[in-house]
């Protein structure tokens, strides 16, 4: 099979759309243990606990020092940024709205999680690799164009440059 044959091959996109919706639910479900105003669950580990683990077991010394010296002392600011970003990524993927943007941000978040948790005991770093791969697939396939708001956005004239790029 040559490259021209691969370019002509088409696969149904609805399985990717279902995966997009599932990963959107995953992001939203993960918010339950980092809810404002204290960003901690009623029981178990919260966001601050995981940040402390990243600082305690850094895979990269510079990353660990950054978490320890910048993120943890400014926990409330970073907690709000993390919470709102995960909320927006989850909603984007769940609804298929500006999916390429949501997938790009989710990809960066998955990579950051992977780097931060790489050396933490009892973590499985491949889960973050898989999460990043899903986001990459959603990004390159424009997964919101099937079972998503992006399909509706693209049908509305006039479709500008940013709508085409982000949907």
Foldseek 3Di string as FASTA:
>chain_A
DDPVVVVPDDDDLVVLLVVLQVVLVVLVVVQQQQDPDVGGHPDDDGPLVLLVLLLVFAPDPVSNVCSVPPCNVVVRVVSVVSNVLSNVLSVCSNALPLLLVSLVSQLVVLVVVLRSCVGRPPDDSVVSVVSNVSSVVCNVVSSQCPNHCLVVQVPDPPQDPSSVNRD
